[in-house]
């Protein structure tokens, strides 16, 4: 069983920045597929950014503003979010895929206009 603990969410004004962290209970050194997803009220959960061992992919809506990264030594996945917009408001979830797909509990990000 893999446990993922997210942190770093909060309330920020439009144009501000936040950095989300996701600490895994296992070594992520050899895990290829990790990512951040978000779910706004009344909407489905959508992918924000994913990272493998060599590539990063972003949703069009966050390209140029968000950066996904990983620190294998700390078993931690990050999401740096800059130039935040009200439409970025959502619960953000960390995801790790091994033989199974694991999710964190989510962290709320609220961007005020």
Protein backbone atom coordinates (compact mmCIF):
# COMPACT_ATOMS: atom_id res chain seq x y z
CA UNK A 1 0.00 0.00 0.00
CA UNK A 2 1.43 3.35 -1.06
CA UNK A 3 0.52 6.45 0.89
CA UNK A 4 0.73 9.89 -0.68
CA UNK A 5 0.51 13.05 1.40
CA UNK A 6 -0.05 16.36 -0.37
CA UNK A 7 0.58 19.79 1.08
CA UNK A 8 1.05 23.37 -0.03
CA UNK A 9 -2.46 24.34 -1.03
CA UNK A 10 -4.17 27.47 0.19
CA UNK A 11 -5.79 30.76 -0.72
CA UNK A 12 -3.91 33.07 -3.08
CA UNK A 13 -4.77 36.11 -5.16
CA UNK A 14 -4.78 35.93 -8.93
CA UNK A 15 -1.25 36.26 -10.26
CA UNK A 16 0.25 34.65 -7.20
CA UNK A 17 2.19 31.42 -6.77
CA UNK A 18 1.96 28.20 -4.78
CA UNK A 19 4.11 25.09 -4.63
CA UNK A 20 2.42 21.78 -3.98
CA UNK A 21 4.31 18.83 -2.54
CA UNK A 22 3.44 15.14 -2.49
CA UNK A 23 5.47 12.83 -0.27
CA UNK A 24 5.31 9.11 -1.03
CA UNK A 25 5.69 6.36 1.56
CA UNK A 26 7.89 4.37 -0.82
CA UNK A 27 10.94 5.08 -2.92
CA UNK A 28 9.96 6.79 -6.17
CA UNK A 29 13.37 6.28 -7.76
CA UNK A 30 12.18 3.68 -10.25
CA UNK A 31 8.59 4.85 -10.63
CA UNK A 32 8.00 6.11 -14.12
CA UNK A 33 4.48 7.52 -14.04
CA UNK A 34 3.59 10.26 -11.59
CA UNK A 35 1.37 13.26 -11.95
CA UNK A 36 -0.90 15.96 -10.62
CA UNK A 37 -4.63 16.11 -11.29
CA UNK A 38 -7.32 18.54 -10.21
CA UNK A 39 -11.04 18.52 -9.67
CA UNK A 40 -13.15 21.65 -9.52
CA UNK A 41 -16.64 21.59 -7.94
CA UNK A 42 -19.14 19.84 -10.20
CA UNK A 43 -16.47 18.82 -12.71
CA UNK A 44 -14.52 15.68 -13.45
CA UNK A 45 -10.95 15.12 -12.34
CA UNK A 46 -8.56 16.26 -15.05
CA UNK A 47 -4.84 15.85 -15.58
CA UNK A 48 -2.69 18.90 -14.87
CA UNK A 49 0.83 17.57 -15.41
CA UNK A 50 2.62 14.27 -15.61
CA UNK A 51 6.25 13.27 -15.29
CA UNK A 52 8.07 10.13 -16.25
CA UNK A 53 11.77 9.40 -15.91
CA UNK A 54 12.59 11.62 -18.91
CA UNK A 55 9.55 13.60 -20.00
CA UNK A 56 7.03 16.07 -18.67
CA UNK A 57 3.61 16.80 -20.08
CA UNK A 58 1.18 19.58 -19.25
CA UNK A 59 -2.44 20.39 -19.87
CA UNK A 60 -2.75 23.24 -22.35
CA UNK A 61 -4.40 25.41 -19.72
CA UNK A 62 -1.30 25.40 -17.49
CA UNK A 63 1.55 25.32 -20.00
CA UNK A 64 4.08 28.04 -19.30
CA UNK A 65 2.70 28.64 -15.80
CA UNK A 66 3.08 25.33 -13.96
CA UNK A 67 6.16 23.15 -13.55
CA UNK A 68 6.17 19.55 -12.37
CA UNK A 69 9.30 18.11 -10.82
CA UNK A 70 10.45 15.24 -8.65
CA UNK A 71 13.08 14.73 -5.99
CA UNK A 72 13.82 11.02 -5.84
CA UNK A 73 16.03 11.39 -2.78
CA UNK A 74 13.10 12.85 -0.85
CA UNK A 75 10.42 10.64 -2.45
CA UNK A 76 8.61 13.85 -3.30
CA UNK A 77 6.68 15.15 -6.29
CA UNK A 78 6.23 18.91 -6.72
CA UNK A 79 4.00 21.23 -8.67
CA UNK A 80 5.16 24.84 -8.90
CA UNK A 81 2.21 27.01 -9.89
CA UNK A 82 2.82 30.58 -11.04
CA UNK A 83 0.55 33.25 -12.48
CA UNK A 84 -2.43 31.58 -10.88
CA UNK A 85 -5.89 32.31 -12.22
CA UNK A 86 -9.33 31.94 -10.59
CA UNK A 87 -10.04 29.06 -12.96
CA UNK A 88 -7.17 27.13 -11.34
CA UNK A 89 -9.31 26.81 -8.21
CA UNK A 90 -9.74 23.10 -7.46
CA UNK A 91 -8.68 20.25 -5.24
CA UNK A 92 -5.31 19.03 -6.48
CA UNK A 93 -4.41 15.35 -6.25
CA UNK A 94 -1.11 13.56 -6.56
CA UNK A 95 -1.05 10.25 -8.47
CA UNK A 96 1.54 7.49 -8.60
CA UNK A 97 1.27 4.46 -10.85
CA UNK A 98 3.02 1.20 -10.17
CA UNK A 99 1.12 -2.03 -10.69
CA UNK A 100 -1.75 -0.02 -9.22
CA UNK A 101 -2.80 3.61 -9.26
CA UNK A 102 -2.51 5.47 -5.98
CA UNK A 103 -4.01 8.82 -5.02
CA UNK A 104 -3.36 11.31 -2.27
CA UNK A 105 -6.11 12.88 -0.19
CA UNK A 106 -6.01 16.14 -2.13
CA UNK A 107 -5.12 19.71 -1.24
CA UNK A 108 -7.40 22.68 -1.87
CA UNK A 109 -6.17 25.54 -4.02
CA UNK A 110 -8.33 28.65 -4.12
CA UNK A 111 -7.44 31.61 -6.34
CA UNK A 112 -9.32 34.82 -5.72
CA UNK A 113 -9.85 37.47 -8.38
